[in-house]
Full PDB file with SEQRES, HELIX, SHEET, SSBOND, CRYST1, ORIGX, SCALE, CONECT and MASTER records, all heavy atoms in Angstrom:
SEQRES   1 A   35  PRO LEU TYR THR ALA LEU VAL PHE ALA VAL PHE ALA ILE          
SEQRES   2 A   35  GLY HIS PHE PHE TRP ASP TRP TRP ASN TYR LEU VAL TRP          
SEQRES   3 A   35  PHE HIS LEU LEU VAL GLY ARG HIS THR                          
HELIX    1 AA1 LEU A    2  TRP A   18  1                                  17    
HELIX    2 AA2 TRP A   21  TYR A   23  5                                   3    
HELIX    3 AA3 LEU A   24  VAL A   31  1                                   8    
CRYST1    1.000    1.000    1.000  90.00  90.00  90.00 P 1           1          
ORIGX1      1.000000  0.000000  0.000000        0.00000                         
ORIGX2      0.000000  1.000000  0.000000        0.00000                         
ORIGX3      0.000000  0.000000  1.000000        0.00000                         
SCALE1      1.000000  0.000000  0.000000        0.00000                         
SCALE2      0.000000  1.000000  0.000000        0.00000                         
SCALE3      0.000000  0.000000  1.000000        0.00000                         
ATOM      1  N   PRO A   1      -4.363  16.891  -6.736  1.00  0.00           N  
ATOM      2  CA  PRO A   1      -5.814  16.847  -6.666  1.00  0.00           C  
ATOM      3  C   PRO A   1      -6.292  15.688  -5.791  1.00  0.00           C  
ATOM      4  O   PRO A   1      -6.401  14.540  -6.249  1.00  0.00           O  
ATOM      5  CB  PRO A   1      -6.250  16.659  -8.122  1.00  0.00           C  
ATOM      6  CG  PRO A   1      -5.080  15.971  -8.750  1.00  0.00           C  
ATOM      7  CD  PRO A   1      -3.854  16.439  -8.023  1.00  0.00           C  
ATOM      8  N   LEU A   2      -6.550  15.950  -4.532  1.00  0.00           N  
ATOM      9  CA  LEU A   2      -6.886  14.943  -3.549  1.00  0.00           C  
ATOM     10  C   LEU A   2      -8.090  14.092  -3.947  1.00  0.00           C  
ATOM     11  O   LEU A   2      -8.011  12.874  -3.927  1.00  0.00           O  
ATOM     12  CB  LEU A   2      -7.125  15.563  -2.179  1.00  0.00           C  
ATOM     13  CG  LEU A   2      -7.518  14.623  -1.066  1.00  0.00           C  
ATOM     14  CD1 LEU A   2      -6.367  13.665  -0.758  1.00  0.00           C  
ATOM     15  CD2 LEU A   2      -7.913  15.398   0.177  1.00  0.00           C  
ATOM     16  N   TYR A   3      -9.168  14.741  -4.304  1.00  0.00           N  
ATOM     17  CA  TYR A   3     -10.402  13.960  -4.627  1.00  0.00           C  
ATOM     18  C   TYR A   3     -10.204  13.132  -5.908  1.00  0.00           C  
ATOM     19  O   TYR A   3     -10.720  12.049  -5.994  1.00  0.00           O  
ATOM     20  CB  TYR A   3     -11.591  14.901  -4.710  1.00  0.00           C  
ATOM     21  CG  TYR A   3     -11.963  15.509  -3.386  1.00  0.00           C  
ATOM     22  CD1 TYR A   3     -12.156  16.864  -3.227  1.00  0.00           C  
ATOM     23  CD2 TYR A   3     -12.092  14.700  -2.244  1.00  0.00           C  
ATOM     24  CE1 TYR A   3     -12.485  17.404  -2.004  1.00  0.00           C  
ATOM     25  CE2 TYR A   3     -12.427  15.243  -1.012  1.00  0.00           C  
ATOM     26  CZ  TYR A   3     -12.626  16.591  -0.900  1.00  0.00           C  
ATOM     27  OH  TYR A   3     -12.938  17.137   0.323  1.00  0.00           O  
ATOM     28  N   THR A   4      -9.479  13.660  -6.854  1.00  0.00           N  
ATOM     29  CA  THR A   4      -9.178  12.870  -8.046  1.00  0.00           C  
ATOM     30  C   THR A   4      -8.313  11.659  -7.710  1.00  0.00           C  
ATOM     31  O   THR A   4      -8.518  10.566  -8.226  1.00  0.00           O  
ATOM     32  CB  THR A   4      -8.475  13.759  -9.079  1.00  0.00           C  
ATOM     33  OG1 THR A   4      -9.315  14.865  -9.394  1.00  0.00           O  
ATOM     34  CG2 THR A   4      -8.169  12.975 -10.359  1.00  0.00           C  
ATOM     35  N   ALA A   5      -7.351  11.819  -6.820  1.00  0.00           N  
ATOM     36  CA  ALA A   5      -6.502  10.719  -6.386  1.00  0.00           C  
ATOM     37  C   ALA A   5      -7.341   9.643  -5.674  1.00  0.00           C  
ATOM     38  O   ALA A   5      -7.110   8.440  -5.858  1.00  0.00           O  
ATOM     39  CB  ALA A   5      -5.378  11.218  -5.499  1.00  0.00           C  
ATOM     40  N   LEU A   6      -8.329  10.071  -4.882  1.00  0.00           N  
ATOM     41  CA  LEU A   6      -9.187   9.125  -4.186  1.00  0.00           C  
ATOM     42  C   LEU A   6     -10.051   8.344  -5.170  1.00  0.00           C  
ATOM     43  O   LEU A   6     -10.218   7.133  -5.051  1.00  0.00           O  
ATOM     44  CB  LEU A   6     -10.036   9.855  -3.164  1.00  0.00           C  
ATOM     45  CG  LEU A   6      -9.330  10.383  -1.946  1.00  0.00           C  
ATOM     46  CD1 LEU A   6     -10.271  11.210  -1.067  1.00  0.00           C  
ATOM     47  CD2 LEU A   6      -8.697   9.271  -1.145  1.00  0.00           C  
ATOM     48  N   VAL A   7     -10.605   9.045  -6.161  1.00  0.00           N  
ATOM     49  CA  VAL A   7     -11.428   8.380  -7.184  1.00  0.00           C  
ATOM     50  C   VAL A   7     -10.548   7.355  -7.930  1.00  0.00           C  
ATOM     51  O   VAL A   7     -10.975   6.245  -8.186  1.00  0.00           O  
ATOM     52  CB  VAL A   7     -12.050   9.394  -8.144  1.00  0.00           C  
ATOM     53  CG1 VAL A   7     -12.626   8.740  -9.398  1.00  0.00           C  
ATOM     54  CG2 VAL A   7     -13.124  10.203  -7.423  1.00  0.00           C  
ATOM     55  N   PHE A   8      -9.342   7.780  -8.308  1.00  0.00           N  
ATOM     56  CA  PHE A   8      -8.453   6.880  -9.021  1.00  0.00           C  
ATOM     57  C   PHE A   8      -8.132   5.630  -8.184  1.00  0.00           C  
ATOM     58  O   PHE A   8      -8.166   4.521  -8.680  1.00  0.00           O  
ATOM     59  CB  PHE A   8      -7.160   7.622  -9.371  1.00  0.00           C  
ATOM     60  CG  PHE A   8      -6.211   6.782 -10.153  1.00  0.00           C  
ATOM     61  CD1 PHE A   8      -6.360   6.624 -11.519  1.00  0.00           C  
ATOM     62  CD2 PHE A   8      -5.146   6.130  -9.523  1.00  0.00           C  
ATOM     63  CE1 PHE A   8      -5.471   5.841 -12.254  1.00  0.00           C  
ATOM     64  CE2 PHE A   8      -4.281   5.338 -10.227  1.00  0.00           C  
ATOM     65  CZ  PHE A   8      -4.450   5.193 -11.619  1.00  0.00           C  
ATOM     66  N   ALA A   9      -7.861   5.820  -6.891  1.00  0.00           N  
ATOM     67  CA  ALA A   9      -7.533   4.714  -6.015  1.00  0.00           C  
ATOM     68  C   ALA A   9      -8.715   3.739  -5.863  1.00  0.00           C  
ATOM     69  O   ALA A   9      -8.546   2.520  -5.938  1.00  0.00           O  
ATOM     70  CB  ALA A   9      -7.091   5.208  -4.660  1.00  0.00           C  
ATOM     71  N   VAL A  10      -9.912   4.290  -5.675  1.00  0.00           N  
ATOM     72  CA  VAL A  10     -11.097   3.439  -5.539  1.00  0.00           C  
ATOM     73  C   VAL A  10     -11.323   2.626  -6.820  1.00  0.00           C  
ATOM     74  O   VAL A  10     -11.601   1.415  -6.756  1.00  0.00           O  
ATOM     75  CB  VAL A  10     -12.336   4.285  -5.197  1.00  0.00           C  
ATOM     76  CG1 VAL A  10     -13.630   3.493  -5.385  1.00  0.00           C  
ATOM     77  CG2 VAL A  10     -12.226   4.831  -3.753  1.00  0.00           C  
ATOM     78  N   PHE A  11     -11.228   3.273  -7.976  1.00  0.00           N  
ATOM     79  CA  PHE A  11     -11.448   2.563  -9.213  1.00  0.00           C  
ATOM     80  C   PHE A  11     -10.327   1.569  -9.523  1.00  0.00           C  
ATOM     81  O   PHE A  11     -10.588   0.497 -10.089  1.00  0.00           O  
ATOM     82  CB  PHE A  11     -11.648   3.513 -10.387  1.00  0.00           C  
ATOM     83  CG  PHE A  11     -13.090   3.911 -10.555  1.00  0.00           C  
ATOM     84  CD1 PHE A  11     -13.661   4.906  -9.814  1.00  0.00           C  
ATOM     85  CD2 PHE A  11     -13.878   3.201 -11.464  1.00  0.00           C  
ATOM     86  CE1 PHE A  11     -14.999   5.230  -9.984  1.00  0.00           C  
ATOM     87  CE2 PHE A  11     -15.225   3.522 -11.629  1.00  0.00           C  
ATOM     88  CZ  PHE A  11     -15.778   4.548 -10.870  1.00  0.00           C  
ATOM     89  N   ALA A  12      -9.105   1.876  -9.155  1.00  0.00           N  
ATOM     90  CA  ALA A  12      -8.016   0.937  -9.386  1.00  0.00           C  
ATOM     91  C   ALA A  12      -8.210  -0.308  -8.528  1.00  0.00           C  
ATOM     92  O   ALA A  12      -8.050  -1.437  -9.050  1.00  0.00           O  
ATOM     93  CB  ALA A  12      -6.670   1.595  -9.063  1.00  0.00           C  
ATOM     94  N   ILE A  13      -8.564  -0.148  -7.285  1.00  0.00           N  
ATOM     95  CA  ILE A  13      -8.826  -1.285  -6.413  1.00  0.00           C  
ATOM     96  C   ILE A  13     -10.051  -2.057  -6.874  1.00  0.00           C  
ATOM     97  O   ILE A  13     -10.045  -3.288  -6.936  1.00  0.00           O  
ATOM     98  CB  ILE A  13      -8.969  -0.822  -4.947  1.00  0.00           C  
ATOM     99  CG1 ILE A  13      -7.645  -0.318  -4.435  1.00  0.00           C  
ATOM    100  CG2 ILE A  13      -9.499  -1.940  -4.068  1.00  0.00           C  
ATOM    101  CD1 ILE A  13      -7.720   0.458  -3.136  1.00  0.00           C  
ATOM    102  N   GLY A  14     -11.107  -1.347  -7.225  1.00  0.00           N  
ATOM    103  CA  GLY A  14     -12.316  -1.985  -7.727  1.00  0.00           C  
ATOM    104  C   GLY A  14     -12.089  -2.771  -8.982  1.00  0.00           C  
ATOM    105  O   GLY A  14     -12.579  -3.885  -9.152  1.00  0.00           O  
ATOM    106  N   HIS A  15     -11.322  -2.196  -9.886  1.00  0.00           N  
ATOM    107  CA  HIS A  15     -11.012  -2.911 -11.166  1.00  0.00           C  
ATOM    108  C   HIS A  15     -10.129  -4.124 -10.897  1.00  0.00           C  
ATOM    109  O   HIS A  15     -10.298  -5.168 -11.524  1.00  0.00           O  
ATOM    110  CB  HIS A  15     -10.350  -1.973 -12.149  1.00  0.00           C  
ATOM    111  CG  HIS A  15     -10.053  -2.638 -13.434  1.00  0.00           C  
ATOM    112  ND1 HIS A  15     -11.030  -3.065 -14.295  1.00  0.00           N  
ATOM    113  CD2 HIS A  15      -8.883  -2.975 -14.023  1.00  0.00           C  
ATOM    114  CE1 HIS A  15     -10.475  -3.633 -15.368  1.00  0.00           C  
ATOM    115  NE2 HIS A  15      -9.187  -3.602 -15.210  1.00  0.00           N  
ATOM    116  N   PHE A  16      -9.225  -4.018  -9.958  1.00  0.00           N  
ATOM    117  CA  PHE A  16      -8.328  -5.140  -9.645  1.00  0.00           C  
ATOM    118  C   PHE A  16      -9.121  -6.348  -9.098  1.00  0.00           C  
ATOM    119  O   PHE A  16      -8.872  -7.488  -9.466  1.00  0.00           O  
ATOM    120  CB  PHE A  16      -7.279  -4.714  -8.628  1.00  0.00           C  
ATOM    121  CG  PHE A  16      -6.301  -5.801  -8.279  1.00  0.00           C  
ATOM    122  CD1 PHE A  16      -5.261  -6.127  -9.116  1.00  0.00           C  
ATOM    123  CD2 PHE A  16      -6.438  -6.489  -7.076  1.00  0.00           C  
ATOM    124  CE1 PHE A  16      -4.389  -7.146  -8.796  1.00  0.00           C  
ATOM    125  CE2 PHE A  16      -5.530  -7.486  -6.715  1.00  0.00           C  
ATOM    126  CZ  PHE A  16      -4.506  -7.814  -7.602  1.00  0.00           C  
ATOM    127  N   PHE A  17     -10.091  -6.072  -8.227  1.00  0.00           N  
ATOM    128  CA  PHE A  17     -10.831  -7.154  -7.588  1.00  0.00           C  
ATOM    129  C   PHE A  17     -12.091  -7.586  -8.355  1.00  0.00           C  
ATOM    130  O   PHE A  17     -12.467  -8.740  -8.345  1.00  0.00           O  
ATOM    131  CB  PHE A  17     -11.233  -6.793  -6.166  1.00  0.00           C  
ATOM    132  CG  PHE A  17     -10.064  -6.807  -5.216  1.00  0.00           C  
ATOM    133  CD1 PHE A  17      -9.565  -5.619  -4.704  1.00  0.00           C  
ATOM    134  CD2 PHE A  17      -9.504  -8.000  -4.822  1.00  0.00           C  
ATOM    135  CE1 PHE A  17      -8.489  -5.618  -3.840  1.00  0.00           C  
ATOM    136  CE2 PHE A  17      -8.411  -8.026  -3.955  1.00  0.00           C  
ATOM    137  CZ  PHE A  17      -7.915  -6.833  -3.456  1.00  0.00           C  
ATOM    138  N   TRP A  18     -12.767  -6.628  -9.022  1.00  0.00           N  
ATOM    139  CA  TRP A  18     -14.084  -6.938  -9.602  1.00  0.00           C  
ATOM    140  C   TRP A  18     -14.212  -6.605 -11.071  1.00  0.00           C  
ATOM    141  O   TRP A  18     -15.305  -6.634 -11.611  1.00  0.00           O  
ATOM    142  CB  TRP A  18     -15.175  -6.201  -8.814  1.00  0.00           C  
ATOM    143  CG  TRP A  18     -15.189  -6.580  -7.378  1.00  0.00           C  
ATOM    144  CD1 TRP A  18     -15.533  -7.779  -6.851  1.00  0.00           C  
ATOM    145  CD2 TRP A  18     -14.823  -5.761  -6.284  1.00  0.00           C  
ATOM    146  NE1 TRP A  18     -15.436  -7.763  -5.495  1.00  0.00           N  
ATOM    147  CE2 TRP A  18     -14.984  -6.527  -5.114  1.00  0.00           C  
ATOM    148  CE3 TRP A  18     -14.375  -4.430  -6.159  1.00  0.00           C  
ATOM    149  CZ2 TRP A  18     -14.714  -6.030  -3.870  1.00  0.00           C  
ATOM    150  CZ3 TRP A  18     -14.119  -3.946  -4.901  1.00  0.00           C  
ATOM    151  CH2 TRP A  18     -14.280  -4.737  -3.777  1.00  0.00           C  
ATOM    152  N   ASP A  19     -13.132  -6.293 -11.759  1.00  0.00           N  
ATOM    153  CA  ASP A  19     -13.176  -6.034 -13.212  1.00  0.00           C  
ATOM    154  C   ASP A  19     -14.238  -4.978 -13.567  1.00  0.00           C  
ATOM    155  O   ASP A  19     -15.262  -5.283 -14.132  1.00  0.00           O  
ATOM    156  CB  ASP A  19     -13.434  -7.343 -13.972  1.00  0.00           C  
ATOM    157  CG  ASP A  19     -13.176  -7.175 -15.451  1.00  0.00           C  
ATOM    158  OD1 ASP A  19     -12.365  -6.321 -15.832  1.00  0.00           O  
ATOM    159  OD2 ASP A  19     -13.822  -7.903 -16.253  1.00  0.00           O  
ATOM    160  N   TRP A  20     -13.958  -3.737 -13.242  1.00  0.00           N  
ATOM    161  CA  TRP A  20     -14.903  -2.641 -13.388  1.00  0.00           C  
ATOM    162  C   TRP A  20     -14.844  -1.978 -14.764  1.00  0.00           C  
ATOM    163  O   TRP A  20     -15.107  -0.778 -14.892  1.00  0.00           O  
ATOM    164  CB  TRP A  20     -14.647  -1.585 -12.324  1.00  0.00           C  
ATOM    165  CG  TRP A  20     -15.250  -1.898 -11.006  1.00  0.00           C  
ATOM    166  CD1 TRP A  20     -15.839  -3.045 -10.615  1.00  0.00           C  
ATOM    167  CD2 TRP A  20     -15.282  -1.055  -9.858  1.00  0.00           C  
ATOM    168  NE1 TRP A  20     -16.245  -2.986  -9.329  1.00  0.00           N  
ATOM    169  CE2 TRP A  20     -15.907  -1.769  -8.841  1.00  0.00           C  
ATOM    170  CE3 TRP A  20     -14.834   0.244  -9.617  1.00  0.00           C  
ATOM    171  CZ2 TRP A  20     -16.131  -1.204  -7.570  1.00  0.00           C  
ATOM    172  CZ3 TRP A  20     -15.034   0.778  -8.383  1.00  0.00           C  
ATOM    173  CH2 TRP A  20     -15.656   0.068  -7.362  1.00  0.00           C  
ATOM    174  N   TRP A  21     -14.631  -2.701 -15.832  1.00  0.00           N  
ATOM    175  CA  TRP A  21     -14.599  -2.087 -17.162  1.00  0.00           C  
ATOM    176  C   TRP A  21     -15.940  -1.427 -17.508  1.00  0.00           C  
ATOM    177  O   TRP A  21     -15.969  -0.415 -18.192  1.00  0.00           O  
ATOM    178  CB  TRP A  21     -14.209  -3.119 -18.241  1.00  0.00           C  
ATOM    179  CG  TRP A  21     -12.760  -3.283 -18.367  1.00  0.00           C  
ATOM    180  CD1 TRP A  21     -12.053  -4.416 -18.061  1.00  0.00           C  
ATOM    181  CD2 TRP A  21     -11.798  -2.315 -18.828  1.00  0.00           C  
ATOM    182  NE1 TRP A  21     -10.733  -4.215 -18.288  1.00  0.00           N  
ATOM    183  CE2 TRP A  21     -10.527  -2.942 -18.743  1.00  0.00           C  
ATOM    184  CE3 TRP A  21     -11.875  -1.012 -19.255  1.00  0.00           C  
ATOM    185  CZ2 TRP A  21      -9.369  -2.272 -19.111  1.00  0.00           C  
ATOM    186  CZ3 TRP A  21     -10.714  -0.359 -19.611  1.00  0.00           C  
ATOM    187  CH2 TRP A  21      -9.480  -0.998 -19.550  1.00  0.00           C  
ATOM    188  N   ASN A  22     -17.027  -2.020 -17.068  1.00  0.00           N  
ATOM    189  CA  ASN A  22     -18.357  -1.461 -17.381  1.00  0.00           C  
ATOM    190  C   ASN A  22     -18.639  -0.153 -16.693  1.00  0.00           C  
ATOM    191  O   ASN A  22     -19.531   0.577 -17.077  1.00  0.00           O  
ATOM    192  CB  ASN A  22     -19.460  -2.481 -17.015  1.00  0.00           C  
ATOM    193  CG  ASN A  22     -19.410  -3.695 -17.878  1.00  0.00           C  
ATOM    194  OD1 ASN A  22     -18.922  -3.653 -19.015  1.00  0.00           O  
ATOM    195  ND2 ASN A  22     -19.913  -4.811 -17.358  1.00  0.00           N  
ATOM    196  N   TYR A  23     -17.858   0.148 -15.658  1.00  0.00           N  
ATOM    197  CA  TYR A  23     -18.039   1.388 -14.904  1.00  0.00           C  
ATOM    198  C   TYR A  23     -17.013   2.460 -15.229  1.00  0.00           C  
ATOM    199  O   TYR A  23     -16.937   3.482 -14.564  1.00  0.00           O  
ATOM    200  CB  TYR A  23     -17.995   1.090 -13.396  1.00  0.00           C  
ATOM    201  CG  TYR A  23     -19.035   0.070 -12.974  1.00  0.00           C  
ATOM    202  CD1 TYR A  23     -18.653  -1.228 -12.680  1.00  0.00           C  
ATOM    203  CD2 TYR A  23     -20.360   0.416 -12.908  1.00  0.00           C  
ATOM    204  CE1 TYR A  23     -19.611  -2.179 -12.307  1.00  0.00           C  
ATOM    205  CE2 TYR A  23     -21.339  -0.521 -12.549  1.00  0.00           C  
ATOM    206  CZ  TYR A  23     -20.926  -1.812 -12.254  1.00  0.00           C  
ATOM    207  OH  TYR A  23     -21.871  -2.725 -11.896  1.00  0.00           O  
ATOM    208  N   LEU A  24     -16.272   2.239 -16.300  1.00  0.00           N  
ATOM    209  CA  LEU A  24     -15.232   3.201 -16.685  1.00  0.00           C  
ATOM    210  C   LEU A  24     -15.827   4.571 -17.002  1.00  0.00           C  
ATOM    211  O   LEU A  24     -15.187   5.589 -16.765  1.00  0.00           O  
ATOM    212  CB  LEU A  24     -14.451   2.670 -17.867  1.00  0.00           C  
ATOM    213  CG  LEU A  24     -13.119   3.314 -18.162  1.00  0.00           C  
ATOM    214  CD1 LEU A  24     -12.208   3.221 -16.960  1.00  0.00           C  
ATOM    215  CD2 LEU A  24     -12.462   2.663 -19.369  1.00  0.00           C  
ATOM    216  N   VAL A  25     -17.030   4.616 -17.536  1.00  0.00           N  
ATOM    217  CA  VAL A  25     -17.667   5.905 -17.829  1.00  0.00           C  
ATOM    218  C   VAL A  25     -17.874   6.699 -16.533  1.00  0.00           C  
ATOM    219  O   VAL A  25     -17.745   7.928 -16.535  1.00  0.00           O  
ATOM    220  CB  VAL A  25     -18.998   5.703 -18.592  1.00  0.00           C  
ATOM    221  CG1 VAL A  25     -20.043   5.035 -17.744  1.00  0.00           C  
ATOM    222  CG2 VAL A  25     -19.516   7.027 -19.102  1.00  0.00           C  
ATOM    223  N   TRP A  26     -18.151   6.027 -15.413  1.00  0.00           N  
ATOM    224  CA  TRP A  26     -18.295   6.715 -14.121  1.00  0.00           C  
ATOM    225  C   TRP A  26     -16.954   7.278 -13.657  1.00  0.00           C  
ATOM    226  O   TRP A  26     -16.890   8.364 -13.047  1.00  0.00           O  
ATOM    227  CB  TRP A  26     -18.881   5.798 -13.068  1.00  0.00           C  
ATOM    228  CG  TRP A  26     -20.336   5.553 -13.336  1.00  0.00           C  
ATOM    229  CD1 TRP A  26     -20.877   4.457 -13.918  1.00  0.00           C  
ATOM    230  CD2 TRP A  26     -21.382   6.446 -13.051  1.00  0.00           C  
ATOM    231  NE1 TRP A  26     -22.237   4.617 -14.028  1.00  0.00           N  
ATOM    232  CE2 TRP A  26     -22.589   5.835 -13.495  1.00  0.00           C  
ATOM    233  CE3 TRP A  26     -21.468   7.711 -12.477  1.00  0.00           C  
ATOM    234  CZ2 TRP A  26     -23.814   6.428 -13.365  1.00  0.00           C  
ATOM    235  CZ3 TRP A  26     -22.706   8.299 -12.350  1.00  0.00           C  
ATOM    236  CH2 TRP A  26     -23.846   7.669 -12.778  1.00  0.00           C  
ATOM    237  N   PHE A  27     -15.901   6.531 -13.898  1.00  0.00           N  
ATOM    238  CA  PHE A  27     -14.556   7.025 -13.583  1.00  0.00           C  
ATOM    239  C   PHE A  27     -14.295   8.327 -14.291  1.00  0.00           C  
ATOM    240  O   PHE A  27     -13.880   9.325 -13.708  1.00  0.00           O  
ATOM    241  CB  PHE A  27     -13.514   5.968 -13.938  1.00  0.00           C  
ATOM    242  CG  PHE A  27     -12.099   6.475 -13.823  1.00  0.00           C  
ATOM    243  CD1 PHE A  27     -11.490   6.585 -12.593  1.00  0.00           C  
ATOM    244  CD2 PHE A  27     -11.378   6.857 -14.948  1.00  0.00           C  
ATOM    245  CE1 PHE A  27     -10.194   7.061 -12.464  1.00  0.00           C  
ATOM    246  CE2 PHE A  27     -10.099   7.315 -14.844  1.00  0.00           C  
ATOM    247  CZ  PHE A  27      -9.500   7.440 -13.600  1.00  0.00           C  
ATOM    248  N   HIS A  28     -14.555   8.339 -15.597  1.00  0.00           N  
ATOM    249  CA  HIS A  28     -14.307   9.549 -16.388  1.00  0.00           C  
ATOM    250  C   HIS A  28     -15.231  10.694 -15.936  1.00  0.00           C  
ATOM    251  O   HIS A  28     -14.792  11.866 -15.893  1.00  0.00           O  
ATOM    252  CB  HIS A  28     -14.511   9.267 -17.878  1.00  0.00           C  
ATOM    253  CG  HIS A  28     -13.442   8.413 -18.439  1.00  0.00           C  
ATOM    254  ND1 HIS A  28     -12.193   8.877 -18.769  1.00  0.00           N  
ATOM    255  CD2 HIS A  28     -13.404   7.099 -18.759  1.00  0.00           C  
ATOM    256  CE1 HIS A  28     -11.436   7.916 -19.214  1.00  0.00           C  
ATOM    257  NE2 HIS A  28     -12.152   6.817 -19.230  1.00  0.00           N  
ATOM    258  N   LEU A  29     -16.450  10.387 -15.576  1.00  0.00           N  
ATOM    259  CA  LEU A  29     -17.373  11.416 -15.100  1.00  0.00           C  
ATOM    260  C   LEU A  29     -16.842  12.031 -13.777  1.00  0.00           C  
ATOM    261  O   LEU A  29     -16.838  13.256 -13.638  1.00  0.00           O  
ATOM    262  CB  LEU A  29     -18.769  10.817 -14.889  1.00  0.00           C  
ATOM    263  CG  LEU A  29     -19.790  11.787 -14.302  1.00  0.00           C  
ATOM    264  CD1 LEU A  29     -20.201  12.794 -15.387  1.00  0.00           C  
ATOM    265  CD2 LEU A  29     -20.991  11.048 -13.814  1.00  0.00           C  
ATOM    266  N   LEU A  30     -16.413  11.194 -12.862  1.00  0.00           N  
ATOM    267  CA  LEU A  30     -15.975  11.679 -11.562  1.00  0.00           C  
ATOM    268  C   LEU A  30     -14.632  12.394 -11.636  1.00  0.00           C  
ATOM    269  O   LEU A  30     -14.377  13.355 -10.886  1.00  0.00           O  
ATOM    270  CB  LEU A  30     -15.889  10.517 -10.561  1.00  0.00           C  
ATOM    271  CG  LEU A  30     -17.239   9.931 -10.171  1.00  0.00           C  
ATOM    272  CD1 LEU A  30     -17.059   8.676  -9.342  1.00  0.00           C  
ATOM    273  CD2 LEU A  30     -18.070  10.946  -9.409  1.00  0.00           C  
ATOM    274  N   VAL A  31     -13.770  11.959 -12.508  1.00  0.00           N  
ATOM    275  CA  VAL A  31     -12.464  12.620 -12.670  1.00  0.00           C  
ATOM    276  C   VAL A  31     -12.611  13.904 -13.461  1.00  0.00           C  
ATOM    277  O   VAL A  31     -11.849  14.863 -13.267  1.00  0.00           O  
ATOM    278  CB  VAL A  31     -11.440  11.657 -13.327  1.00  0.00           C  
ATOM    279  CG1 VAL A  31     -10.184  12.379 -13.744  1.00  0.00           C  
ATOM    280  CG2 VAL A  31     -11.109  10.531 -12.388  1.00  0.00           C  
ATOM    281  N   GLY A  32     -13.591  13.957 -14.331  1.00  0.00           N  
ATOM    282  CA  GLY A  32     -13.821  15.171 -15.120  1.00  0.00           C  
ATOM    283  C   GLY A  32     -13.159  15.162 -16.467  1.00  0.00           C  
ATOM    284  O   GLY A  32     -12.961  16.183 -17.076  1.00  0.00           O  
ATOM    285  N   ARG A  33     -12.778  14.001 -16.914  1.00  0.00           N  
ATOM    286  CA  ARG A  33     -12.125  13.891 -18.233  1.00  0.00           C  
ATOM    287  C   ARG A  33     -13.201  13.881 -19.298  1.00  0.00           C  
ATOM    288  O   ARG A  33     -14.148  13.117 -19.232  1.00  0.00           O  
ATOM    289  CB  ARG A  33     -11.307  12.632 -18.303  1.00  0.00           C  
ATOM    290  CG  ARG A  33     -10.592  12.492 -19.606  1.00  0.00           C  
ATOM    291  CD  ARG A  33      -9.610  11.351 -19.569  1.00  0.00           C  
ATOM    292  NE  ARG A  33      -8.935  11.302 -20.844  1.00  0.00           N  
ATOM    293  CZ  ARG A  33      -8.959  10.222 -21.594  1.00  0.00           C  
ATOM    294  NH1 ARG A  33      -9.565   9.116 -21.225  1.00  0.00           N  
ATOM    295  NH2 ARG A  33      -8.334  10.234 -22.737  1.00  0.00           N  
ATOM    296  N   HIS A  34     -12.994  14.672 -20.321  1.00  0.00           N  
ATOM    297  CA  HIS A  34     -13.895  14.693 -21.450  1.00  0.00           C  
ATOM    298  C   HIS A  34     -13.372  13.741 -22.518  1.00  0.00           C  
ATOM    299  O   HIS A  34     -12.224  13.852 -22.936  1.00  0.00           O  
ATOM    300  CB  HIS A  34     -14.023  16.091 -22.040  1.00  0.00           C  
ATOM    301  CG  HIS A  34     -14.553  17.071 -21.022  1.00  0.00           C  
ATOM    302  ND1 HIS A  34     -15.863  17.135 -20.697  1.00  0.00           N  
ATOM    303  CD2 HIS A  34     -13.905  17.970 -20.253  1.00  0.00           C  
ATOM    304  CE1 HIS A  34     -16.037  18.062 -19.806  1.00  0.00           C  
ATOM    305  NE2 HIS A  34     -14.861  18.592 -19.490  1.00  0.00           N  
ATOM    306  N   THR A  35     -14.220  12.826 -22.932  1.00  0.00           N  
ATOM    307  CA  THR A  35     -13.836  11.875 -23.975  1.00  0.00           C  
ATOM    308  C   THR A  35     -14.513  12.270 -25.262  1.00  0.00           C  
ATOM    309  O   THR A  35     -15.687  12.532 -25.311  1.00  0.00           O  
ATOM    310  CB  THR A  35     -14.239  10.435 -23.571  1.00  0.00           C  
ATOM    311  OG1 THR A  35     -13.698  10.162 -22.309  1.00  0.00           O  
ATOM    312  CG2 THR A  35     -13.772   9.440 -24.590  1.00  0.00           C  
TER     313      THR A  35                                                      
MASTER        0    0    0    3    0    0    0    6  312    1    0    3          
END                                                                             
């Protein structure tokens, strides 16, 4: 899944540099995971 891999890469890099825990809900929304 190309677009899912891109979302994962962006969030992994963003979390590494800027601690994106508050944006985790957006990650799940873009990946399509139901919590």
